[in-house]
Amino acid sequence: MTKVISLTSIVDDTYDAYATYEELEIFTKAIQRWDINCPDQLPDCMKLCYSELLKVFKDMEDLMSEQGKSYRVQLAKEAMKQVCQAYFVEAKWLHEHYMPTVEEYLSVAFVSTCYPMLTIVSFVGMEDSITKETFTWAFNTPKILRASTIICRLMDDVVSHQFEQEREHVPSAVECYTKQYGVSAQEAYDEFYKRINNAWKDMNEAFLKPTVVPTSALNRILNLTRVIDLLYKDEDAYTRVGDSAKTSITALLIDPISI
């Protein structure tokens, strides 16, 4: 899980800031093929990233094959392909100077949060109660997972969009909303915080109603969402780690309260 998150961050930065549009087109097609021989066709700057990404999933596959669960990794690969395809759509918007509607933006950005993919990856090594049906459930974006992506996308965009727009960057939900409705950034923030609060209610509801999947699967989604709440509460502490995030992480992992 940690390796996937780390490599996804590198892939995200590649699409977001470092590669040309033409390079991204080649890279995205290579990801869709998922072929270890593809690096020969990639720009030199992308070969290592591509190879390491495939290697991480191959290591996962080797481990899960011993347990007869290699299908889980195949599904995780498909989720990763979806992420890269979403990244490329955003790169195309930037390349064409296209401003999507907020609905169009969110339909893509919910995938590019990586939370649907990370949810799938988090299921890969879990107990036998996690079945093929659990993965199918997750791929169909249940209410709790959609709520998680709403929280992730909107919290991220609210605190990071001003810094990101200082350079060429795909418009965030804030720019899309203000452009579409002719309102101020503050009015967009107010609307998004309402949506975030409603999304937390949807997440709570999922734990109060009967569910077709184990509670352990719901807990993975909840805990991933808690990470976002920590990192994007008042600032983009994932991109630029400040004192607030350091204090919270120290309190959580180094100096926890004794029970």
C-alpha atoms as a PDB file:
ATOM      1  CA  MET A   1       0.000   0.000   0.000  1.00  0.00           C
ATOM      2  CA  THR A   2       2.776   2.418   0.924  1.00  0.00           C
ATOM      3  CA  LYS A   3       4.663   1.641  -2.282  1.00  0.00           C
ATOM      4  CA  VAL A   4       1.557   2.174  -4.393  1.00  0.00           C
ATOM      5  CA  ILE A   5       0.850   5.525  -2.724  1.00  0.00           C
ATOM      6  CA  SER A   6       4.455   6.644  -3.198  1.00  0.00           C
ATOM      7  CA  LEU A   7       4.569   5.675  -6.863  1.00  0.00           C
ATOM      8  CA  THR A   8       1.145   7.168  -7.490  1.00  0.00           C
ATOM      9  CA  SER A   9       2.447  10.478  -6.151  1.00  0.00           C
ATOM     10  CA  ILE A  10       5.309  10.310  -8.648  1.00  0.00           C
ATOM     11  CA  VAL A  11       2.927   9.447 -11.487  1.00  0.00           C
ATOM     12  CA  ASP A  12       0.630  12.293 -10.412  1.00  0.00           C
ATOM     13  CA  ASP A  13       3.505  14.786 -10.459  1.00  0.00           C
ATOM     14  CA  THR A  14       4.560  13.487 -13.872  1.00  0.00           C
ATOM     15  CA  TYR A  15       1.131  14.244 -15.329  1.00  0.00           C
ATOM     16  CA  ASP A  16       0.730  17.408 -13.309  1.00  0.00           C
ATOM     17  CA  ALA A  17       4.014  19.207 -13.781  1.00  0.00           C
ATOM     18  CA  TYR A  18       6.888  17.458 -15.501  1.00  0.00           C
ATOM     19  CA  ALA A  19       5.979  15.660 -18.721  1.00  0.00           C
ATOM     20  CA  THR A  20       4.881  17.169 -22.009  1.00  0.00           C
ATOM     21  CA  TYR A  21       1.436  16.409 -23.374  1.00  0.00           C
ATOM     22  CA  GLU A  22       2.953  14.218 -26.091  1.00  0.00           C
ATOM     23  CA  GLU A  23       4.956  12.246 -23.516  1.00  0.00           C
ATOM     24  CA  LEU A  24       1.853  11.754 -21.396  1.00  0.00           C
ATOM     25  CA  GLU A  25      -0.037  10.396 -24.384  1.00  0.00           C
ATOM     26  CA  ILE A  26       2.642   7.729 -24.868  1.00  0.00           C
ATOM     27  CA  PHE A  27       2.809   6.969 -21.138  1.00  0.00           C
ATOM     28  CA  THR A  28      -0.970   6.609 -20.809  1.00  0.00           C
ATOM     29  CA  LYS A  29      -1.130   4.165 -23.715  1.00  0.00           C
ATOM     30  CA  ALA A  30       1.715   2.176 -22.146  1.00  0.00           C
ATOM     31  CA  ILE A  31      -0.142   1.986 -18.829  1.00  0.00           C
ATOM     32  CA  GLN A  32      -3.259   0.714 -20.601  1.00  0.00           C
ATOM     33  CA  ARG A  33      -1.182  -2.053 -22.230  1.00  0.00           C
ATOM     34  CA  TRP A  34       0.581  -2.863 -18.938  1.00  0.00           C
ATOM     35  CA  ASP A  35       3.482  -4.540 -20.717  1.00  0.00           C
ATOM     36  CA  ILE A  36       6.946  -4.844 -19.184  1.00  0.00           C
ATOM     37  CA  ASN A  37       8.405  -4.370 -22.683  1.00  0.00           C
ATOM     38  CA  CYS A  38       6.771  -0.949 -23.103  1.00  0.00           C
ATOM     39  CA  PRO A  39       9.616   1.043 -21.491  1.00  0.00           C
ATOM     40  CA  ASP A  40      11.586   0.724 -24.744  1.00  0.00           C
ATOM     41  CA  GLN A  41       8.958   2.967 -26.349  1.00  0.00           C
ATOM     42  CA  LEU A  42       8.883   5.534 -23.534  1.00  0.00           C
ATOM     43  CA  PRO A  43      10.965   8.690 -23.095  1.00  0.00           C
ATOM     44  CA  ASP A  44      13.992   8.026 -20.900  1.00  0.00           C
ATOM     45  CA  CYS A  45      12.594  10.175 -18.088  1.00  0.00           C
ATOM     46  CA  MET A  46       9.535   7.907 -17.805  1.00  0.00           C
ATOM     47  CA  LYS A  47      11.090   4.463 -18.073  1.00  0.00           C
ATOM     48  CA  LEU A  48      12.040   4.043 -14.422  1.00  0.00           C
ATOM     49  CA  CYS A  49       8.677   5.229 -13.113  1.00  0.00           C
ATOM     50  CA  TYR A  50       6.817   2.876 -15.458  1.00  0.00           C
ATOM     51  CA  SER A  51       9.008  -0.124 -14.670  1.00  0.00           C
ATOM     52  CA  GLU A  52       8.815   0.401 -10.912  1.00  0.00           C
ATOM     53  CA  LEU A  53       5.044   0.756 -11.009  1.00  0.00           C
ATOM     54  CA  LEU A  54       4.683  -2.533 -12.852  1.00  0.00           C
ATOM     55  CA  LYS A  55       7.197  -4.165 -10.504  1.00  0.00           C
ATOM     56  CA  VAL A  56       5.215  -3.219  -7.394  1.00  0.00           C
ATOM     57  CA  PHE A  57       2.079  -4.804  -8.813  1.00  0.00           C
ATOM     58  CA  LYS A  58       4.063  -7.860  -9.987  1.00  0.00           C
ATOM     59  CA  ASP A  59       5.409  -8.321  -6.457  1.00  0.00           C
ATOM     60  CA  MET A  60       1.850  -8.103  -5.141  1.00  0.00           C
ATOM     61  CA  GLU A  61       0.707 -10.619  -7.734  1.00  0.00           C
ATOM     62  CA  ASP A  62       3.447 -13.107  -6.850  1.00  0.00           C
ATOM     63  CA  LEU A  63       2.492 -12.911  -3.186  1.00  0.00           C
ATOM     64  CA  MET A  64      -1.249 -13.210  -3.735  1.00  0.00           C
ATOM     65  CA  SER A  65      -0.836 -16.051  -6.255  1.00  0.00           C
ATOM     66  CA  GLU A  66       0.510 -18.194  -3.435  1.00  0.00           C
ATOM     67  CA  GLN A  67      -2.856 -17.694  -1.717  1.00  0.00           C
ATOM     68  CA  GLY A  68      -4.920 -18.235  -4.862  1.00  0.00           C
ATOM     69  CA  LYS A  69      -5.991 -14.587  -4.896  1.00  0.00           C
ATOM     70  CA  SER A  70      -4.163 -13.174  -7.906  1.00  0.00           C
ATOM     71  CA  TYR A  71      -7.502 -11.927  -9.270  1.00  0.00           C
ATOM     72  CA  ARG A  72      -7.344  -9.198  -6.625  1.00  0.00           C
ATOM     73  CA  VAL A  73      -4.190  -7.748  -8.144  1.00  0.00           C
ATOM     74  CA  GLN A  74      -5.687  -7.841 -11.639  1.00  0.00           C
ATOM     75  CA  LEU A  75      -8.533  -5.688 -10.361  1.00  0.00           C
ATOM     76  CA  ALA A  76      -6.079  -3.335  -8.660  1.00  0.00           C
ATOM     77  CA  LYS A  77      -4.256  -2.949 -11.988  1.00  0.00           C
ATOM     78  CA  GLU A  78      -7.507  -2.015 -13.705  1.00  0.00           C
ATOM     79  CA  ALA A  79      -8.136   0.615 -11.042  1.00  0.00           C
ATOM     80  CA  MET A  80      -4.641   2.038 -11.604  1.00  0.00           C
ATOM     81  CA  LYS A  81      -5.287   2.201 -15.340  1.00  0.00           C
ATOM     82  CA  GLN A  82      -8.434   4.209 -14.649  1.00  0.00           C
ATOM     83  CA  VAL A  83      -6.437   6.671 -12.552  1.00  0.00           C
ATOM     84  CA  CYS A  84      -3.915   7.279 -15.339  1.00  0.00           C
ATOM     85  CA  GLN A  85      -6.703   7.689 -17.869  1.00  0.00           C
ATOM     86  CA  ALA A  86      -8.289  10.330 -15.608  1.00  0.00           C
ATOM     87  CA  TYR A  87      -4.925  12.062 -15.206  1.00  0.00           C
ATOM     88  CA  PHE A  88      -4.626  12.196 -18.984  1.00  0.00           C
ATOM     89  CA  VAL A  89      -8.091  13.717 -19.419  1.00  0.00           C
ATOM     90  CA  GLU A  90      -7.058  16.482 -17.020  1.00  0.00           C
ATOM     91  CA  ALA A  91      -3.787  16.958 -18.903  1.00  0.00           C
ATOM     92  CA  LYS A  92      -5.770  17.244 -22.139  1.00  0.00           C
ATOM     93  CA  TRP A  93      -7.990  19.926 -20.607  1.00  0.00           C
ATOM     94  CA  LEU A  94      -4.899  21.904 -19.659  1.00  0.00           C
ATOM     95  CA  HIS A  95      -3.301  21.380 -23.073  1.00  0.00           C
ATOM     96  CA  GLU A  96      -6.451  22.611 -24.838  1.00  0.00           C
ATOM     97  CA  HIS A  97      -7.119  25.415 -22.306  1.00  0.00           C
ATOM     98  CA  TYR A  98     -10.522  23.861 -21.680  1.00  0.00           C
ATOM     99  CA  MET A  99     -12.651  24.860 -18.685  1.00  0.00           C
ATOM    100  CA  PRO A 100     -15.020  21.996 -17.793  1.00  0.00           C
ATOM    101  CA  THR A 101     -18.267  22.457 -15.928  1.00  0.00           C
ATOM    102  CA  VAL A 102     -18.000  21.563 -12.260  1.00  0.00           C
ATOM    103  CA  GLU A 103     -20.018  18.389 -12.898  1.00  0.00           C
ATOM    104  CA  GLU A 104     -17.736  17.359 -15.767  1.00  0.00           C
ATOM    105  CA  TYR A 105     -14.662  18.135 -13.694  1.00  0.00           C
ATOM    106  CA  LEU A 106     -15.846  16.150 -10.679  1.00  0.00           C
ATOM    107  CA  SER A 107     -16.764  13.097 -12.775  1.00  0.00           C
ATOM    108  CA  VAL A 108     -13.087  12.830 -13.741  1.00  0.00           C
ATOM    109  CA  ALA A 109     -11.552  14.234 -10.569  1.00  0.00           C
ATOM    110  CA  PHE A 110     -13.311  11.677  -8.382  1.00  0.00           C
ATOM    111  CA  VAL A 111     -11.188   9.046 -10.146  1.00  0.00           C
ATOM    112  CA  SER A 112      -8.018  11.151 -10.093  1.00  0.00           C
ATOM    113  CA  THR A 113      -8.276  11.506  -6.306  1.00  0.00           C
ATOM    114  CA  CYS A 114      -6.982   7.912  -6.462  1.00  0.00           C
ATOM    115  CA  TYR A 115      -9.276   6.985  -3.589  1.00  0.00           C
ATOM    116  CA  PRO A 116     -11.309   4.423  -5.563  1.00  0.00           C
ATOM    117  CA  MET A 117      -8.011   2.845  -6.666  1.00  0.00           C
ATOM    118  CA  LEU A 118      -6.453   2.991  -3.194  1.00  0.00           C
ATOM    119  CA  THR A 119      -9.576   1.396  -1.750  1.00  0.00           C
ATOM    120  CA  ILE A 120      -9.200  -1.510  -4.179  1.00  0.00           C
ATOM    121  CA  VAL A 121      -5.481  -1.808  -3.387  1.00  0.00           C
ATOM    122  CA  SER A 122      -6.210  -1.765   0.350  1.00  0.00           C
ATOM    123  CA  PHE A 123      -8.480  -4.801  -0.119  1.00  0.00           C
ATOM    124  CA  VAL A 124      -5.834  -6.880  -1.919  1.00  0.00           C
ATOM    125  CA  GLY A 125      -4.097  -8.320   1.141  1.00  0.00           C
ATOM    126  CA  MET A 126      -7.141  -8.585   3.386  1.00  0.00           C
ATOM    127  CA  GLU A 127      -8.757 -11.654   4.916  1.00  0.00           C
ATOM    128  CA  ASP A 128     -10.923 -14.219   3.118  1.00  0.00           C
ATOM    129  CA  SER A 129     -14.110 -12.339   4.016  1.00  0.00           C
ATOM    130  CA  ILE A 130     -13.101  -9.927   1.250  1.00  0.00           C
ATOM    131  CA  THR A 131     -14.486 -11.680  -1.830  1.00  0.00           C
ATOM    132  CA  LYS A 132     -14.796 -10.991  -5.544  1.00  0.00           C
ATOM    133  CA  GLU A 133     -18.198  -9.521  -4.734  1.00  0.00           C
ATOM    134  CA  THR A 134     -16.510  -7.023  -2.404  1.00  0.00           C
ATOM    135  CA  PHE A 135     -14.300  -5.830  -5.248  1.00  0.00           C
ATOM    136  CA  THR A 136     -17.298  -5.628  -7.596  1.00  0.00           C
ATOM    137  CA  TRP A 137     -19.099  -3.562  -4.962  1.00  0.00           C
ATOM    138  CA  ALA A 138     -16.155  -1.152  -4.756  1.00  0.00           C
ATOM    139  CA  PHE A 139     -15.851  -0.842  -8.546  1.00  0.00           C
ATOM    140  CA  ASN A 140     -19.506   0.204  -8.683  1.00  0.00           C
ATOM    141  CA  THR A 141     -18.701   3.247  -6.487  1.00  0.00           C
ATOM    142  CA  PRO A 142     -21.022   2.667  -3.532  1.00  0.00           C
ATOM    143  CA  LYS A 143     -22.341   5.639  -1.598  1.00  0.00           C
ATOM    144  CA  ILE A 144     -19.635   5.486   1.089  1.00  0.00           C
ATOM    145  CA  LEU A 145     -16.833   5.451  -1.498  1.00  0.00           C
ATOM    146  CA  ARG A 146     -18.373   8.300  -3.451  1.00  0.00           C
ATOM    147  CA  ALA A 147     -18.625  10.246  -0.190  1.00  0.00           C
ATOM    148  CA  SER A 148     -14.948   9.562   0.459  1.00  0.00           C
ATOM    149  CA  THR A 149     -13.956  10.887  -2.969  1.00  0.00           C
ATOM    150  CA  ILE A 150     -16.098  14.007  -2.481  1.00  0.00           C
ATOM    151  CA  ILE A 151     -14.331  14.749   0.803  1.00  0.00           C
ATOM    152  CA  CYS A 152     -10.926  14.087  -0.731  1.00  0.00           C
ATOM    153  CA  ARG A 153     -11.425  16.098  -3.913  1.00  0.00           C
ATOM    154  CA  LEU A 154     -13.103  19.132  -2.405  1.00  0.00           C
ATOM    155  CA  MET A 155     -10.917  19.444   0.697  1.00  0.00           C
ATOM    156  CA  ASP A 156      -7.835  19.176  -1.519  1.00  0.00           C
ATOM    157  CA  ASP A 157      -9.060  21.724  -4.058  1.00  0.00           C
ATOM    158  CA  VAL A 158     -10.175  24.307  -1.495  1.00  0.00           C
ATOM    159  CA  VAL A 159      -6.799  24.512   0.252  1.00  0.00           C
ATOM    160  CA  SER A 160      -4.479  23.934  -2.717  1.00  0.00           C
ATOM    161  CA  HIS A 161      -6.015  25.668  -5.734  1.00  0.00           C
ATOM    162  CA  GLN A 162      -4.437  29.098  -5.190  1.00  0.00           C
ATOM    163  CA  PHE A 163      -0.920  27.653  -4.995  1.00  0.00           C
ATOM    164  CA  GLU A 164      -1.525  25.370  -7.979  1.00  0.00           C
ATOM    165  CA  GLN A 165      -2.913  28.142 -10.174  1.00  0.00           C
ATOM    166  CA  GLU A 166       0.319  30.115  -9.803  1.00  0.00           C
ATOM    167  CA  ARG A 167       1.607  27.926 -12.636  1.00  0.00           C
ATOM    168  CA  GLU A 168      -0.026  26.174 -15.571  1.00  0.00           C
ATOM    169  CA  HIS A 169      -2.401  23.735 -13.926  1.00  0.00           C
ATOM    170  CA  VAL A 170      -5.700  22.063 -14.689  1.00  0.00           C
ATOM    171  CA  PRO A 171      -8.564  24.097 -13.186  1.00  0.00           C
ATOM    172  CA  SER A 172      -9.747  22.879  -9.797  1.00  0.00           C
ATOM    173  CA  ALA A 173     -13.333  22.532  -8.623  1.00  0.00           C
ATOM    174  CA  VAL A 174     -13.064  26.106  -7.330  1.00  0.00           C
ATOM    175  CA  GLU A 175     -12.209  27.613 -10.735  1.00  0.00           C
ATOM    176  CA  CYS A 176     -14.846  25.480 -12.456  1.00  0.00           C
ATOM    177  CA  TYR A 177     -17.548  26.502  -9.973  1.00  0.00           C
ATOM    178  CA  THR A 178     -16.759  30.224  -9.945  1.00  0.00           C
ATOM    179  CA  LYS A 179     -16.615  30.314 -13.752  1.00  0.00           C
ATOM    180  CA  GLN A 180     -19.818  28.337 -14.240  1.00  0.00           C
ATOM    181  CA  TYR A 181     -21.923  30.227 -11.700  1.00  0.00           C
ATOM    182  CA  GLY A 182     -20.252  33.641 -11.725  1.00  0.00           C
ATOM    183  CA  VAL A 183     -19.598  33.628  -7.979  1.00  0.00           C
ATOM    184  CA  SER A 184     -16.635  34.378  -5.724  1.00  0.00           C
ATOM    185  CA  ALA A 185     -14.137  31.819  -4.485  1.00  0.00           C
ATOM    186  CA  GLN A 186     -15.560  32.193  -0.967  1.00  0.00           C
ATOM    187  CA  GLU A 187     -19.025  31.276  -2.225  1.00  0.00           C
ATOM    188  CA  ALA A 188     -17.513  28.200  -3.868  1.00  0.00           C
ATOM    189  CA  TYR A 189     -15.808  27.281  -0.583  1.00  0.00           C
ATOM    190  CA  ASP A 190     -19.116  27.612   1.280  1.00  0.00           C
ATOM    191  CA  GLU A 191     -20.852  25.325  -1.196  1.00  0.00           C
ATOM    192  CA  PHE A 192     -18.078  22.749  -1.087  1.00  0.00           C
ATOM    193  CA  TYR A 193     -17.959  22.651   2.708  1.00  0.00           C
ATOM    194  CA  LYS A 194     -21.698  21.917   2.665  1.00  0.00           C
ATOM    195  CA  ARG A 195     -21.041  19.030   0.285  1.00  0.00           C
ATOM    196  CA  ILE A 196     -18.188  17.795   2.481  1.00  0.00           C
ATOM    197  CA  ASN A 197     -20.410  17.832   5.576  1.00  0.00           C
ATOM    198  CA  ASN A 198     -23.132  15.936   3.712  1.00  0.00           C
ATOM    199  CA  ALA A 199     -20.555  13.410   2.523  1.00  0.00           C
ATOM    200  CA  TRP A 200     -19.509  12.718   6.136  1.00  0.00           C
ATOM    201  CA  LYS A 201     -23.183  12.063   6.919  1.00  0.00           C
ATOM    202  CA  ASP A 202     -23.303   9.571   4.051  1.00  0.00           C
ATOM    203  CA  MET A 203     -20.225   7.824   5.427  1.00  0.00           C
ATOM    204  CA  ASN A 204     -21.755   7.591   8.894  1.00  0.00           C
ATOM    205  CA  GLU A 205     -24.974   6.262   7.398  1.00  0.00           C
ATOM    206  CA  ALA A 206     -23.089   3.400   5.750  1.00  0.00           C
ATOM    207  CA  PHE A 207     -22.063   2.102   9.175  1.00  0.00           C
ATOM    208  CA  LEU A 208     -25.601   2.325  10.569  1.00  0.00           C
ATOM    209  CA  LYS A 209     -27.351   0.329   7.851  1.00  0.00           C
ATOM    210  CA  PRO A 210     -26.998  -3.344   6.869  1.00  0.00           C
ATOM    211  CA  THR A 211     -24.285  -3.768   4.260  1.00  0.00           C
ATOM    212  CA  VAL A 212     -23.418  -6.433   1.705  1.00  0.00           C
ATOM    213  CA  VAL A 213     -19.700  -6.166   2.497  1.00  0.00           C
ATOM    214  CA  PRO A 214     -17.735  -6.751   5.723  1.00  0.00           C
ATOM    215  CA  THR A 215     -17.336  -3.837   8.115  1.00  0.00           C
ATOM    216  CA  SER A 216     -13.581  -4.243   7.686  1.00  0.00           C
ATOM    217  CA  ALA A 217     -14.006  -3.075   4.068  1.00  0.00           C
ATOM    218  CA  LEU A 218     -15.942  -0.011   5.202  1.00  0.00           C
ATOM    219  CA  ASN A 219     -13.241   0.737   7.759  1.00  0.00           C
ATOM    220  CA  ARG A 220     -10.602   0.886   5.021  1.00  0.00           C
ATOM    221  CA  ILE A 221     -12.586   3.584   3.243  1.00  0.00           C
ATOM    222  CA  LEU A 222     -13.197   5.457   6.492  1.00  0.00           C
ATOM    223  CA  ASN A 223      -9.536   5.406   7.489  1.00  0.00           C
ATOM    224  CA  LEU A 224      -8.375   6.610   4.080  1.00  0.00           C
ATOM    225  CA  THR A 225     -10.817   9.494   4.419  1.00  0.00           C
ATOM    226  CA  ARG A 226      -9.495  10.332   7.865  1.00  0.00           C
ATOM    227  CA  VAL A 227      -6.058  10.761   6.312  1.00  0.00           C
ATOM    228  CA  ILE A 228      -7.462  13.419   3.994  1.00  0.00           C
ATOM    229  CA  ASP A 229      -9.156  15.170   6.897  1.00  0.00           C
ATOM    230  CA  LEU A 230      -5.776  15.316   8.643  1.00  0.00           C
ATOM    231  CA  LEU A 231      -3.708  16.470   5.668  1.00  0.00           C
ATOM    232  CA  TYR A 232      -6.127  18.974   4.105  1.00  0.00           C
ATOM    233  CA  LYS A 233      -7.954  20.399   7.122  1.00  0.00           C
ATOM    234  CA  ASP A 234      -6.523  23.912   6.916  1.00  0.00           C
ATOM    235  CA  GLU A 235      -3.677  23.576   4.404  1.00  0.00           C
ATOM    236  CA  ASP A 236      -2.209  21.288   1.758  1.00  0.00           C
ATOM    237  CA  ALA A 237      -0.001  19.399   4.186  1.00  0.00           C
ATOM    238  CA  TYR A 238       0.604  16.613   1.676  1.00  0.00           C
ATOM    239  CA  THR A 239       2.428  18.907  -0.739  1.00  0.00           C
ATOM    240  CA  ARG A 240       4.002  21.181   1.863  1.00  0.00           C
ATOM    241  CA  VAL A 241       4.238  19.603   5.298  1.00  0.00           C
ATOM    242  CA  GLY A 242       3.945  22.307   7.960  1.00  0.00           C
ATOM    243  CA  ASP A 243       4.018  22.403  11.740  1.00  0.00           C
ATOM    244  CA  SER A 244       0.329  21.551  12.054  1.00  0.00           C
ATOM    245  CA  ALA A 245       0.664  18.244  10.194  1.00  0.00           C
ATOM    246  CA  LYS A 246       3.911  17.398  11.978  1.00  0.00           C
ATOM    247  CA  THR A 247       2.266  18.002  15.355  1.00  0.00           C
ATOM    248  CA  SER A 248      -0.729  15.827  14.466  1.00  0.00           C
ATOM    249  CA  ILE A 249       1.404  12.972  13.146  1.00  0.00           C
ATOM    250  CA  THR A 250       3.681  13.133  16.187  1.00  0.00           C
ATOM    251  CA  ALA A 251       0.682  13.029  18.526  1.00  0.00           C
ATOM    252  CA  LEU A 252      -0.793  10.092  16.637  1.00  0.00           C
ATOM    253  CA  LEU A 253       2.249   7.889  16.058  1.00  0.00           C
ATOM    254  CA  ILE A 254       5.044   8.986  18.395  1.00  0.00           C
ATOM    255  CA  ASP A 255       3.348  10.361  21.510  1.00  0.00           C
ATOM    256  CA  PRO A 256      -0.052   8.635  21.603  1.00  0.00           C
ATOM    257  CA  ILE A 257      -2.256   8.864  24.680  1.00  0.00           C
ATOM    258  CA  SER A 258      -1.797   5.829  26.920  1.00  0.00           C
ATOM    259  CA  ILE A 259      -4.915   3.725  27.429  1.00  0.00           C
END
